[in-house]
Amino acid sequence: MSIRLQVVLDDAEMAEIRRAARSQRLTVAAWVRHSLRAARREIPSSDAGRKIEVIRAAAGYGFPSADIEAMLAEVESGYRAGPAP
């Protein structure tokens, strides 16, 4: 379902929007939809405090890990061995 949105702009602002849309070879409606989607992506999807809480919880886990050089050598040896049977 689509919903119509009406926005009242003064003549100067509308002219700027028309120029911006034209420069991107878009209709004004397409330019506005694109701009609204871009603005929406900039809004954090969740509370920053919650994100920090999750990161701190994850950092509290201790998982075994190898030396980075040893892991890279194992990966490289796998590449040289060729495809698995």
N, C-alpha and C. Protein backbone atom coordinates (compact mmCIF):
# COMPACT_ATOMS: atom_id res chain seq x y z
N MET A 1 0.84 -1.18 0.00
CA MET A 1 0.00 0.00 0.00
C MET A 1 0.89 1.24 0.00
N SER A 2 0.53 2.20 -0.78
CA SER A 2 1.26 3.46 -0.85
C SER A 2 0.47 4.56 -0.17
N ILE A 3 1.18 5.46 0.45
CA ILE A 3 0.55 6.60 1.12
C ILE A 3 1.14 7.87 0.55
N ARG A 4 0.30 8.80 0.25
CA ARG A 4 0.73 10.09 -0.30
C ARG A 4 1.16 10.99 0.86
N LEU A 5 2.26 11.71 0.65
CA LEU A 5 2.78 12.65 1.64
C LEU A 5 2.78 14.03 1.00
N GLN A 6 2.19 14.96 1.67
CA GLN A 6 2.18 16.33 1.16
C GLN A 6 3.09 17.19 2.01
N VAL A 7 3.98 17.91 1.35
CA VAL A 7 4.93 18.79 2.04
C VAL A 7 4.82 20.16 1.39
N VAL A 8 4.67 21.18 2.21
CA VAL A 8 4.56 22.55 1.71
C VAL A 8 5.93 23.20 1.74
N LEU A 9 6.38 23.69 0.56
CA LEU A 9 7.68 24.32 0.43
C LEU A 9 7.51 25.69 -0.20
N ASP A 10 8.42 26.58 0.12
CA ASP A 10 8.36 27.88 -0.57
C ASP A 10 8.96 27.73 -1.97
N ASP A 11 8.74 28.72 -2.80
CA ASP A 11 9.15 28.63 -4.21
C ASP A 11 10.65 28.41 -4.37
N ALA A 12 11.46 29.09 -3.58
CA ALA A 12 12.91 28.98 -3.69
C ALA A 12 13.39 27.57 -3.34
N GLU A 13 12.83 27.02 -2.28
CA GLU A 13 13.23 25.68 -1.87
C GLU A 13 12.81 24.65 -2.90
N MET A 14 11.62 24.80 -3.45
CA MET A 14 11.14 23.88 -4.48
C MET A 14 12.02 23.96 -5.72
N ALA A 15 12.45 25.15 -6.07
CA ALA A 15 13.33 25.32 -7.23
C ALA A 15 14.66 24.60 -7.00
N GLU A 16 15.20 24.69 -5.78
CA GLU A 16 16.44 23.99 -5.44
C GLU A 16 16.26 22.48 -5.57
N ILE A 17 15.14 21.99 -5.07
CA ILE A 17 14.88 20.55 -5.15
C ILE A 17 14.73 20.11 -6.60
N ARG A 18 14.06 20.89 -7.40
CA ARG A 18 13.94 20.57 -8.83
C ARG A 18 15.31 20.51 -9.50
N ARG A 19 16.17 21.48 -9.18
CA ARG A 19 17.52 21.49 -9.75
C ARG A 19 18.30 20.25 -9.31
N ALA A 20 18.20 19.92 -8.03
CA ALA A 20 18.92 18.75 -7.51
C ALA A 20 18.43 17.47 -8.19
N ALA A 21 17.13 17.34 -8.34
CA ALA A 21 16.56 16.16 -9.00
C ALA A 21 17.01 16.09 -10.46
N ARG A 22 16.93 17.22 -11.14
CA ARG A 22 17.32 17.27 -12.55
C ARG A 22 18.80 16.90 -12.71
N SER A 23 19.65 17.37 -11.80
CA SER A 23 21.08 17.09 -11.91
C SER A 23 21.38 15.60 -11.75
N GLN A 24 20.49 14.88 -11.09
CA GLN A 24 20.66 13.44 -10.92
C GLN A 24 19.77 12.64 -11.87
N ARG A 25 19.14 13.38 -12.79
CA ARG A 25 18.24 12.77 -13.79
C ARG A 25 17.13 11.96 -13.13
N LEU A 26 16.55 12.54 -12.08
CA LEU A 26 15.45 11.94 -11.35
C LEU A 26 14.25 12.87 -11.40
N THR A 27 13.07 12.29 -11.21
CA THR A 27 11.90 13.13 -10.99
C THR A 27 12.01 13.70 -9.59
N VAL A 28 11.26 14.73 -9.32
CA VAL A 28 11.26 15.30 -7.96
C VAL A 28 10.81 14.23 -6.97
N ALA A 29 9.76 13.48 -7.31
CA ALA A 29 9.26 12.45 -6.40
C ALA A 29 10.33 11.40 -6.10
N ALA A 30 11.04 10.95 -7.13
CA ALA A 30 12.09 9.95 -6.92
C ALA A 30 13.22 10.53 -6.09
N TRP A 31 13.59 11.79 -6.35
CA TRP A 31 14.65 12.44 -5.58
C TRP A 31 14.26 12.55 -4.11
N VAL A 32 13.02 12.93 -3.84
CA VAL A 32 12.54 13.06 -2.46
C VAL A 32 12.55 11.69 -1.78
N ARG A 33 12.05 10.65 -2.45
CA ARG A 33 12.06 9.31 -1.85
C ARG A 33 13.49 8.88 -1.53
N HIS A 34 14.40 9.08 -2.47
CA HIS A 34 15.80 8.73 -2.27
C HIS A 34 16.39 9.50 -1.08
N SER A 35 16.11 10.78 -1.00
CA SER A 35 16.63 11.62 0.09
C SER A 35 16.07 11.20 1.44
N LEU A 36 14.79 10.86 1.48
CA LEU A 36 14.19 10.42 2.73
C LEU A 36 14.78 9.09 3.18
N ARG A 37 15.02 8.19 2.24
CA ARG A 37 15.63 6.90 2.60
C ARG A 37 17.04 7.11 3.14
N ALA A 38 17.79 7.99 2.50
CA ALA A 38 19.17 8.28 2.96
C ALA A 38 19.15 8.89 4.36
N ALA A 39 18.23 9.80 4.61
CA ALA A 39 18.12 10.42 5.94
C ALA A 39 17.73 9.38 6.98
N ARG A 40 16.85 8.47 6.61
CA ARG A 40 16.41 7.44 7.55
C ARG A 40 17.56 6.50 7.92
N ARG A 41 18.46 6.21 6.97
CA ARG A 41 19.61 5.34 7.25
C ARG A 41 20.57 5.97 8.25
N GLU A 42 20.58 7.28 8.34
CA GLU A 42 21.49 7.97 9.26
C GLU A 42 21.00 7.92 10.70
N ILE A 43 19.75 7.60 10.90
CA ILE A 43 19.19 7.53 12.26
C ILE A 43 19.58 6.19 12.86
N PRO A 44 20.20 6.16 14.03
CA PRO A 44 20.58 4.89 14.66
C PRO A 44 19.36 4.00 14.83
N SER A 45 19.56 2.70 14.52
CA SER A 45 18.44 1.77 14.60
C SER A 45 18.11 1.36 16.03
N SER A 46 19.05 1.55 16.93
CA SER A 46 18.77 1.22 18.33
C SER A 46 19.55 2.15 19.24
N ASP A 47 19.26 2.04 20.49
CA ASP A 47 19.87 2.88 21.51
C ASP A 47 21.38 2.62 21.59
N ALA A 48 22.19 3.66 21.61
CA ALA A 48 23.65 3.51 21.68
C ALA A 48 24.06 2.79 22.96
N GLY A 49 23.36 3.03 24.05
CA GLY A 49 23.67 2.35 25.31
C GLY A 49 23.51 0.85 25.19
N ARG A 50 22.52 0.42 24.46
CA ARG A 50 22.29 -1.01 24.24
C ARG A 50 23.41 -1.60 23.41
N LYS A 51 23.87 -0.88 22.42
CA LYS A 51 24.97 -1.37 21.59
C LYS A 51 26.23 -1.56 22.42
N ILE A 52 26.52 -0.59 23.27
CA ILE A 52 27.70 -0.68 24.12
C ILE A 52 27.57 -1.86 25.08
N GLU A 53 26.39 -2.06 25.61
CA GLU A 53 26.14 -3.18 26.52
C GLU A 53 26.42 -4.52 25.81
N VAL A 54 25.99 -4.66 24.59
CA VAL A 54 26.21 -5.89 23.82
C VAL A 54 27.69 -6.09 23.55
N ILE A 55 28.39 -5.02 23.19
CA ILE A 55 29.83 -5.12 22.92
C ILE A 55 30.59 -5.52 24.17
N ARG A 56 30.23 -4.93 25.30
CA ARG A 56 30.90 -5.28 26.57
C ARG A 56 30.64 -6.74 26.93
N ALA A 57 29.43 -7.21 26.71
CA ALA A 57 29.11 -8.61 27.01
C ALA A 57 29.93 -9.53 26.12
N ALA A 58 30.03 -9.21 24.84
CA ALA A 58 30.79 -10.04 23.91
C ALA A 58 32.28 -10.04 24.26
N ALA A 59 32.79 -8.90 24.69
CA ALA A 59 34.21 -8.80 25.04
C ALA A 59 34.54 -9.62 26.28
N GLY A 60 33.55 -9.96 27.08
CA GLY A 60 33.78 -10.74 28.29
C GLY A 60 34.03 -12.21 28.02
N TYR A 61 33.72 -12.69 26.82
CA TYR A 61 33.94 -14.09 26.48
C TYR A 61 35.40 -14.32 26.15
N GLY A 62 35.88 -15.51 26.47
CA GLY A 62 37.25 -15.87 26.14
C GLY A 62 37.23 -17.08 25.22
N PHE A 63 37.62 -16.90 24.00
CA PHE A 63 37.66 -18.00 23.04
C PHE A 63 39.11 -18.29 22.70
N PRO A 64 39.41 -19.57 22.43
CA PRO A 64 40.79 -19.89 22.05
C PRO A 64 41.13 -19.25 20.72
N SER A 65 42.36 -18.85 20.60
CA SER A 65 42.81 -18.23 19.36
C SER A 65 44.26 -18.60 19.14
N ALA A 66 44.62 -18.72 17.90
CA ALA A 66 46.00 -19.04 17.56
C ALA A 66 46.74 -17.75 17.24
N ASP A 67 48.04 -17.89 17.12
CA ASP A 67 48.87 -16.78 16.68
C ASP A 67 48.48 -16.44 15.25
N ILE A 68 48.38 -15.16 14.93
CA ILE A 68 47.92 -14.73 13.60
C ILE A 68 48.82 -15.27 12.50
N GLU A 69 50.12 -15.29 12.72
CA GLU A 69 51.05 -15.80 11.70
C GLU A 69 50.81 -17.28 11.45
N ALA A 70 50.55 -18.04 12.52
CA ALA A 70 50.28 -19.48 12.36
C ALA A 70 48.97 -19.70 11.60
N MET A 71 47.95 -18.91 11.91
CA MET A 71 46.67 -19.05 11.20
C MET A 71 46.84 -18.72 9.73
N LEU A 72 47.56 -17.65 9.41
CA LEU A 72 47.77 -17.27 8.02
C LEU A 72 48.56 -18.34 7.26
N ALA A 73 49.54 -18.94 7.93
CA ALA A 73 50.32 -20.01 7.30
C ALA A 73 49.43 -21.21 7.00
N GLU A 74 48.52 -21.56 7.92
CA GLU A 74 47.60 -22.67 7.68
C GLU A 74 46.67 -22.37 6.51
N VAL A 75 46.18 -21.16 6.45
CA VAL A 75 45.31 -20.78 5.34
C VAL A 75 46.07 -20.88 4.03
N GLU A 76 47.28 -20.35 4.01
CA GLU A 76 48.09 -20.37 2.80
C GLU A 76 48.40 -21.79 2.36
N SER A 77 48.69 -22.67 3.30
CA SER A 77 49.00 -24.06 2.95
C SER A 77 47.76 -24.73 2.37
N GLY A 78 46.60 -24.35 2.83
CA GLY A 78 45.36 -24.89 2.26
C GLY A 78 45.15 -24.45 0.83
N TYR A 79 45.53 -23.23 0.51
CA TYR A 79 45.42 -22.75 -0.87
C TYR A 79 46.36 -23.54 -1.79
N ARG A 80 47.56 -23.82 -1.29
CA ARG A 80 48.54 -24.53 -2.12
C ARG A 80 48.17 -25.99 -2.29
N ALA A 81 47.42 -26.56 -1.35
CA ALA A 81 47.06 -27.97 -1.41
C ALA A 81 46.05 -28.24 -2.53
N GLY A 82 45.35 -27.22 -2.96
CA GLY A 82 44.37 -27.41 -4.02
C GLY A 82 43.01 -27.74 -3.46
N PRO A 83 42.04 -28.02 -4.34
CA PRO A 83 40.66 -28.27 -3.90
C PRO A 83 40.55 -29.57 -3.11
N ALA A 84 39.60 -29.61 -2.21
CA ALA A 84 39.37 -30.81 -1.41
C ALA A 84 38.80 -31.90 -2.30
N PRO A 85 39.09 -33.17 -1.98
CA PRO A 85 38.61 -34.29 -2.81
C PRO A 85 37.11 -34.39 -2.84
